[in-house]
Amino acid sequence: MKKLSSIIILSLAVLSVTACKPPAKETESLTEAQPTAVETDKITKEVFTDSFGDQMEITVNETQNTVTVRLDGKTYELKKNEDLPEYTASNAEYQYSDIRGNITFLKKNVDMVLFHYKHNGKNRTATKMASY
């Protein structure tokens, strides 16, 4: 009888020890198995040089519909405008357009063209103009 009672006590002790331990490895593996999806934006970058040697860098983010213009050491952030023809982007002060090879960047409130690049196939010409 003493043997049976010691076996029962030992069995209860083993069961109580194993029942109190949480399954740590299972919860760790569940949290590690969840990969996060990373969405990449469709971005194109071009540099245009006019006949005066001025360069304008255009970065178009088609996913977010934004254009970044870098000209004369300054950066301008513009939003694509769906109402105007072909590819046009603007903010409160500036407007960028790429219409049939005519790249134009202008300051809207004074109607002044800051950069103009026209490309006709193989013959590429650029003009700089300002109108008041």
N, C-alpha and C. Protein backbone atom coordinates (compact mmCIF):
# COMPACT_ATOMS: atom_id res chain seq x y z
N MET A 1 0.81 -1.18 0.00
CA MET A 1 0.00 0.00 0.00
C MET A 1 0.85 1.25 0.00
N LYS A 2 1.98 1.17 0.77
CA LYS A 2 2.88 2.31 0.78
C LYS A 2 3.44 2.55 -0.61
N LYS A 3 3.70 1.46 -1.34
CA LYS A 3 4.24 1.57 -2.68
C LYS A 3 3.22 2.24 -3.61
N LEU A 4 1.98 1.86 -3.50
CA LEU A 4 0.94 2.42 -4.33
C LEU A 4 0.70 3.89 -4.01
N SER A 5 0.70 4.25 -2.77
CA SER A 5 0.50 5.65 -2.42
C SER A 5 1.68 6.52 -2.84
N SER A 6 2.90 5.99 -2.78
CA SER A 6 4.05 6.77 -3.24
C SER A 6 4.03 6.95 -4.75
N ILE A 7 3.55 5.97 -5.49
CA ILE A 7 3.45 6.07 -6.95
C ILE A 7 2.38 7.12 -7.30
N ILE A 8 1.28 7.11 -6.58
CA ILE A 8 0.20 8.08 -6.84
C ILE A 8 0.68 9.50 -6.53
N ILE A 9 1.38 9.68 -5.43
CA ILE A 9 1.90 11.00 -5.05
C ILE A 9 2.92 11.47 -6.09
N LEU A 10 3.80 10.57 -6.52
CA LEU A 10 4.81 10.92 -7.53
C LEU A 10 4.14 11.28 -8.85
N SER A 11 3.10 10.55 -9.24
CA SER A 11 2.38 10.83 -10.49
C SER A 11 1.69 12.19 -10.42
N LEU A 12 1.08 12.48 -9.27
CA LEU A 12 0.42 13.77 -9.12
C LEU A 12 1.43 14.92 -9.16
N ALA A 13 2.59 14.70 -8.57
CA ALA A 13 3.63 15.73 -8.60
C ALA A 13 4.10 16.00 -10.02
N VAL A 14 4.30 14.96 -10.80
CA VAL A 14 4.74 15.10 -12.20
C VAL A 14 3.66 15.80 -13.01
N LEU A 15 2.42 15.43 -12.83
CA LEU A 15 1.33 16.06 -13.57
C LEU A 15 1.17 17.53 -13.20
N SER A 16 1.30 17.85 -11.94
CA SER A 16 1.15 19.25 -11.55
C SER A 16 2.28 20.12 -12.08
N VAL A 17 3.49 19.58 -12.16
CA VAL A 17 4.63 20.34 -12.69
C VAL A 17 4.46 20.57 -14.19
N THR A 18 4.08 19.56 -14.92
CA THR A 18 3.93 19.72 -16.37
C THR A 18 2.69 20.52 -16.73
N ALA A 19 1.65 20.47 -15.94
CA ALA A 19 0.43 21.22 -16.24
C ALA A 19 0.60 22.71 -15.99
N CYS A 20 1.51 23.12 -15.14
CA CYS A 20 1.70 24.53 -14.83
C CYS A 20 2.58 25.26 -15.82
N LYS A 21 3.32 24.56 -16.65
CA LYS A 21 4.22 25.21 -17.60
C LYS A 21 3.46 25.62 -18.86
N PRO A 22 3.57 26.88 -19.26
CA PRO A 22 2.91 27.29 -20.52
C PRO A 22 3.75 26.80 -21.70
N PRO A 23 3.11 26.51 -22.81
CA PRO A 23 3.85 26.06 -24.00
C PRO A 23 4.54 27.25 -24.67
N ALA A 24 5.73 27.60 -24.25
CA ALA A 24 6.44 28.79 -24.70
C ALA A 24 6.84 28.71 -26.16
N LYS A 25 7.28 27.59 -26.62
CA LYS A 25 7.77 27.48 -27.99
C LYS A 25 6.65 27.65 -29.01
N GLU A 26 5.46 27.21 -28.69
CA GLU A 26 4.35 27.35 -29.63
C GLU A 26 3.97 28.81 -29.83
N THR A 27 3.92 29.61 -28.78
CA THR A 27 3.54 31.02 -28.93
C THR A 27 4.63 31.80 -29.65
N GLU A 28 5.89 31.44 -29.44
CA GLU A 28 6.98 32.13 -30.15
C GLU A 28 6.92 31.85 -31.64
N SER A 29 6.67 30.63 -32.02
CA SER A 29 6.64 30.30 -33.44
C SER A 29 5.44 30.94 -34.14
N LEU A 30 4.34 31.14 -33.44
CA LEU A 30 3.19 31.79 -34.05
C LEU A 30 3.45 33.26 -34.36
N THR A 31 4.15 33.97 -33.48
CA THR A 31 4.41 35.39 -33.72
C THR A 31 5.48 35.60 -34.78
N GLU A 32 6.40 34.69 -34.92
CA GLU A 32 7.47 34.83 -35.91
C GLU A 32 7.01 34.48 -37.31
N ALA A 33 5.95 33.74 -37.46
CA ALA A 33 5.53 33.25 -38.76
C ALA A 33 4.69 34.26 -39.54
N GLN A 34 4.48 35.46 -39.03
CA GLN A 34 3.64 36.46 -39.70
C GLN A 34 4.50 37.46 -40.46
N PRO A 35 4.82 37.23 -41.74
CA PRO A 35 5.61 38.20 -42.51
C PRO A 35 4.75 39.40 -42.89
N THR A 36 5.38 40.56 -43.02
CA THR A 36 4.65 41.77 -43.42
C THR A 36 4.92 42.04 -44.89
N ALA A 37 3.90 42.43 -45.60
CA ALA A 37 4.02 42.72 -47.02
C ALA A 37 4.53 44.15 -47.19
N VAL A 38 5.52 44.32 -48.08
CA VAL A 38 6.07 45.63 -48.37
C VAL A 38 5.69 46.00 -49.79
N GLU A 39 5.00 47.11 -49.94
CA GLU A 39 4.58 47.57 -51.25
C GLU A 39 5.63 48.53 -51.79
N THR A 40 6.05 48.31 -53.02
CA THR A 40 7.04 49.20 -53.62
C THR A 40 6.34 50.13 -54.59
N ASP A 41 6.75 51.39 -54.57
CA ASP A 41 6.17 52.39 -55.46
C ASP A 41 6.83 52.32 -56.83
N LYS A 42 6.07 52.64 -57.86
CA LYS A 42 6.59 52.71 -59.22
C LYS A 42 7.14 54.12 -59.43
N ILE A 43 8.47 54.24 -59.47
CA ILE A 43 9.14 55.54 -59.54
C ILE A 43 10.03 55.59 -60.77
N THR A 44 9.93 56.70 -61.52
CA THR A 44 10.83 56.94 -62.65
C THR A 44 11.54 58.27 -62.42
N LYS A 45 12.80 58.33 -62.86
CA LYS A 45 13.59 59.54 -62.67
C LYS A 45 14.26 59.90 -63.99
N GLU A 46 14.16 61.18 -64.36
CA GLU A 46 14.78 61.67 -65.60
C GLU A 46 15.45 63.00 -65.32
N VAL A 47 16.52 63.27 -66.05
CA VAL A 47 17.22 64.55 -65.97
C VAL A 47 17.20 65.19 -67.35
N PHE A 48 16.72 66.43 -67.42
CA PHE A 48 16.64 67.16 -68.68
C PHE A 48 17.63 68.32 -68.62
N THR A 49 18.35 68.54 -69.72
CA THR A 49 19.30 69.65 -69.82
C THR A 49 18.90 70.51 -71.00
N ASP A 50 18.71 71.81 -70.75
CA ASP A 50 18.34 72.70 -71.85
C ASP A 50 19.60 73.20 -72.56
N SER A 51 19.41 74.00 -73.60
CA SER A 51 20.55 74.49 -74.40
C SER A 51 21.44 75.45 -73.61
N PHE A 52 20.98 75.97 -72.49
CA PHE A 52 21.77 76.87 -71.65
C PHE A 52 22.61 76.09 -70.63
N GLY A 53 22.41 74.77 -70.58
CA GLY A 53 23.15 73.94 -69.63
C GLY A 53 22.45 73.76 -68.30
N ASP A 54 21.29 74.36 -68.13
CA ASP A 54 20.52 74.17 -66.88
C ASP A 54 19.94 72.76 -66.86
N GLN A 55 19.99 72.13 -65.68
CA GLN A 55 19.45 70.79 -65.54
C GLN A 55 18.26 70.79 -64.60
N MET A 56 17.26 69.99 -64.96
CA MET A 56 16.10 69.80 -64.12
C MET A 56 15.90 68.29 -63.97
N GLU A 57 15.83 67.84 -62.71
CA GLU A 57 15.61 66.42 -62.42
C GLU A 57 14.15 66.22 -62.03
N ILE A 58 13.51 65.26 -62.69
CA ILE A 58 12.11 64.95 -62.45
C ILE A 58 12.01 63.53 -61.91
N THR A 59 11.36 63.39 -60.75
CA THR A 59 11.08 62.07 -60.18
C THR A 59 9.57 61.92 -60.10
N VAL A 60 9.04 60.94 -60.82
CA VAL A 60 7.60 60.71 -60.87
C VAL A 60 7.29 59.44 -60.08
N ASN A 61 6.44 59.57 -59.07
CA ASN A 61 5.96 58.43 -58.30
C ASN A 61 4.54 58.16 -58.77
N GLU A 62 4.40 57.15 -59.64
CA GLU A 62 3.09 56.86 -60.23
C GLU A 62 2.14 56.22 -59.22
N THR A 63 2.68 55.57 -58.19
CA THR A 63 1.83 54.94 -57.18
C THR A 63 1.13 55.99 -56.33
N GLN A 64 1.87 57.03 -55.91
CA GLN A 64 1.30 58.07 -55.07
C GLN A 64 0.86 59.30 -55.86
N ASN A 65 1.03 59.29 -57.19
CA ASN A 65 0.66 60.40 -58.08
C ASN A 65 1.33 61.70 -57.66
N THR A 66 2.65 61.66 -57.43
CA THR A 66 3.41 62.85 -57.07
C THR A 66 4.59 63.03 -58.02
N VAL A 67 5.03 64.28 -58.13
CA VAL A 67 6.20 64.62 -58.93
C VAL A 67 7.12 65.46 -58.04
N THR A 68 8.41 65.13 -58.06
CA THR A 68 9.41 65.93 -57.37
C THR A 68 10.29 66.57 -58.43
N VAL A 69 10.37 67.89 -58.40
CA VAL A 69 11.17 68.65 -59.36
C VAL A 69 12.36 69.24 -58.61
N ARG A 70 13.58 69.00 -59.13
CA ARG A 70 14.79 69.61 -58.56
C ARG A 70 15.39 70.52 -59.63
N LEU A 71 15.45 71.82 -59.30
CA LEU A 71 15.94 72.82 -60.24
C LEU A 71 16.68 73.90 -59.46
N ASP A 72 17.89 74.22 -59.88
CA ASP A 72 18.69 75.27 -59.25
C ASP A 72 18.86 75.07 -57.74
N GLY A 73 19.06 73.83 -57.32
CA GLY A 73 19.29 73.54 -55.91
C GLY A 73 18.04 73.54 -55.05
N LYS A 74 16.88 73.73 -55.64
CA LYS A 74 15.62 73.73 -54.89
C LYS A 74 14.79 72.51 -55.28
N THR A 75 13.98 72.04 -54.34
CA THR A 75 13.11 70.89 -54.57
C THR A 75 11.66 71.31 -54.43
N TYR A 76 10.84 70.90 -55.39
CA TYR A 76 9.42 71.24 -55.41
C TYR A 76 8.60 69.95 -55.42
N GLU A 77 7.66 69.82 -54.51
CA GLU A 77 6.76 68.66 -54.43
C GLU A 77 5.43 69.04 -55.07
N LEU A 78 5.01 68.28 -56.07
CA LEU A 78 3.78 68.57 -56.80
C LEU A 78 2.89 67.33 -56.82
N LYS A 79 1.59 67.54 -56.97
CA LYS A 79 0.61 66.46 -57.01
C LYS A 79 0.02 66.38 -58.42
N LYS A 80 -0.14 65.15 -58.96
CA LYS A 80 -0.68 64.95 -60.30
C LYS A 80 -2.08 65.55 -60.39
N ASN A 81 -2.32 66.25 -61.50
CA ASN A 81 -3.60 66.88 -61.75
C ASN A 81 -4.33 66.09 -62.84
N GLU A 82 -5.46 65.51 -62.49
CA GLU A 82 -6.23 64.68 -63.43
C GLU A 82 -7.03 65.52 -64.42
N ASP A 83 -7.28 66.80 -64.12
CA ASP A 83 -8.11 67.64 -64.97
C ASP A 83 -7.39 68.16 -66.21
N LEU A 84 -6.06 68.28 -66.15
CA LEU A 84 -5.29 68.83 -67.27
C LEU A 84 -4.79 67.71 -68.18
N PRO A 85 -4.41 68.05 -69.44
CA PRO A 85 -4.04 67.02 -70.41
C PRO A 85 -2.72 66.32 -70.09
N GLU A 86 -2.59 65.09 -70.62
CA GLU A 86 -1.40 64.24 -70.47
C GLU A 86 -0.88 64.25 -69.05
N TYR A 87 0.45 64.43 -68.85
CA TYR A 87 0.96 64.37 -67.48
C TYR A 87 1.22 65.78 -66.98
N THR A 88 0.40 66.23 -66.06
CA THR A 88 0.52 67.55 -65.47
C THR A 88 0.41 67.41 -63.96
N ALA A 89 1.30 68.12 -63.25
CA ALA A 89 1.27 68.11 -61.79
C ALA A 89 1.45 69.54 -61.31
N SER A 90 0.87 69.86 -60.14
CA SER A 90 0.97 71.23 -59.66
C SER A 90 0.79 71.28 -58.15
N ASN A 91 1.16 72.44 -57.60
CA ASN A 91 0.81 72.78 -56.23
C ASN A 91 0.30 74.22 -56.28
N ALA A 92 0.24 74.92 -55.17
CA ALA A 92 -0.33 76.27 -55.14
C ALA A 92 0.48 77.26 -55.98
N GLU A 93 1.81 77.05 -56.10
CA GLU A 93 2.66 78.03 -56.78
C GLU A 93 3.24 77.59 -58.12
N TYR A 94 3.43 76.28 -58.33
CA TYR A 94 4.17 75.79 -59.49
C TYR A 94 3.37 74.75 -60.26
N GLN A 95 3.72 74.62 -61.56
CA GLN A 95 3.08 73.62 -62.40
C GLN A 95 4.12 72.96 -63.29
N TYR A 96 4.09 71.64 -63.36
CA TYR A 96 4.96 70.85 -64.24
C TYR A 96 4.08 70.15 -65.26
N SER A 97 4.52 70.13 -66.52
CA SER A 97 3.76 69.39 -67.52
C SER A 97 4.72 68.71 -68.50
N ASP A 98 4.29 67.55 -68.96
CA ASP A 98 5.00 66.78 -69.98
C ASP A 98 3.96 66.42 -71.03
N ILE A 99 3.85 67.27 -72.04
CA ILE A 99 2.84 67.10 -73.07
C ILE A 99 3.53 66.94 -74.42
N ARG A 100 3.43 65.74 -74.98
CA ARG A 100 4.01 65.40 -76.29
C ARG A 100 5.46 65.86 -76.42
N GLY A 101 6.29 65.58 -75.43
CA GLY A 101 7.71 65.91 -75.49
C GLY A 101 8.05 67.32 -75.06
N ASN A 102 7.07 68.14 -74.73
CA ASN A 102 7.31 69.49 -74.20
C ASN A 102 7.29 69.41 -72.68
N ILE A 103 8.46 69.56 -72.08
CA ILE A 103 8.57 69.56 -70.63
C ILE A 103 8.61 71.02 -70.19
N THR A 104 7.66 71.42 -69.35
CA THR A 104 7.58 72.81 -68.91
C THR A 104 7.39 72.84 -67.39
N PHE A 105 8.15 73.75 -66.75
CA PHE A 105 7.99 73.98 -65.32
C PHE A 105 7.81 75.48 -65.16
N LEU A 106 6.65 75.88 -64.62
CA LEU A 106 6.38 77.31 -64.54
C LEU A 106 5.89 77.71 -63.15
N LYS A 107 6.11 78.99 -62.85
CA LYS A 107 5.61 79.59 -61.62
C LYS A 107 4.27 80.22 -61.98
N LYS A 108 3.20 79.73 -61.35
CA LYS A 108 1.85 80.10 -61.77
C LYS A 108 1.46 81.54 -61.45
N ASN A 109 1.79 82.03 -60.28
CA ASN A 109 1.27 83.34 -59.88
C ASN A 109 1.84 84.50 -60.70
N VAL A 110 3.00 84.33 -61.34
CA VAL A 110 3.55 85.39 -62.20
C VAL A 110 3.60 84.95 -63.66
N ASP A 111 3.08 83.75 -63.95
CA ASP A 111 3.05 83.22 -65.31
C ASP A 111 4.44 83.21 -65.94
N MET A 112 5.44 82.73 -65.20
CA MET A 112 6.82 82.71 -65.68
C MET A 112 7.30 81.27 -65.86
N VAL A 113 7.83 80.96 -67.04
CA VAL A 113 8.37 79.64 -67.31
C VAL A 113 9.78 79.59 -66.74
N LEU A 114 10.01 78.67 -65.81
CA LEU A 114 11.32 78.53 -65.19
C LEU A 114 12.23 77.58 -65.96
N PHE A 115 11.64 76.61 -66.66
CA PHE A 115 12.43 75.65 -67.42
C PHE A 115 11.54 75.10 -68.53
N HIS A 116 12.12 74.99 -69.74
CA HIS A 116 11.38 74.43 -70.87
C HIS A 116 12.31 73.55 -71.67
N TYR A 117 11.88 72.35 -71.95
CA TYR A 117 12.66 71.40 -72.73
C TYR A 117 11.73 70.79 -73.77
N LYS A 118 12.14 70.85 -75.04
CA LYS A 118 11.34 70.27 -76.11
C LYS A 118 12.18 69.24 -76.82
N HIS A 119 11.61 68.07 -76.97
CA HIS A 119 12.40 67.04 -77.65
C HIS A 119 11.58 66.49 -78.80
N ASN A 120 12.18 66.58 -79.99
CA ASN A 120 11.53 66.13 -81.23
C ASN A 120 12.33 64.96 -81.79
N GLY A 121 12.05 63.77 -81.32
CA GLY A 121 12.75 62.60 -81.84
C GLY A 121 14.24 62.67 -81.57
N LYS A 122 15.05 62.64 -82.67
CA LYS A 122 16.51 62.68 -82.53
C LYS A 122 17.01 64.10 -82.31
N ASN A 123 16.31 65.11 -82.85
CA ASN A 123 16.74 66.49 -82.73
C ASN A 123 16.16 67.07 -81.43
N ARG A 124 17.02 67.26 -80.43
CA ARG A 124 16.56 67.77 -79.14
C ARG A 124 16.99 69.21 -78.99
N THR A 125 16.01 70.08 -78.78
CA THR A 125 16.31 71.49 -78.57
C THR A 125 15.63 71.95 -77.30
N ALA A 126 16.23 72.91 -76.65
CA ALA A 126 15.63 73.45 -75.43
C ALA A 126 15.62 74.95 -75.53
N THR A 127 14.59 75.55 -74.99
CA THR A 127 14.50 77.00 -74.98
C THR A 127 14.21 77.47 -73.58
N LYS A 128 14.73 78.62 -73.25
CA LYS A 128 14.47 79.23 -71.96
C LYS A 128 13.69 80.51 -72.23
N MET A 129 12.54 80.65 -71.57
CA MET A 129 11.75 81.83 -71.85
C MET A 129 11.03 82.29 -70.61
N ALA A 130 10.70 83.51 -70.59
CA ALA A 130 9.94 84.08 -69.48
C ALA A 130 8.92 85.04 -70.07
N SER A 131 7.70 84.97 -69.57
CA SER A 131 6.69 85.91 -70.04
C SER A 131 6.08 86.59 -68.82
N TYR A 132 5.79 87.84 -68.94
CA TYR A 132 5.27 88.61 -67.81
C TYR A 132 3.85 89.00 -68.04
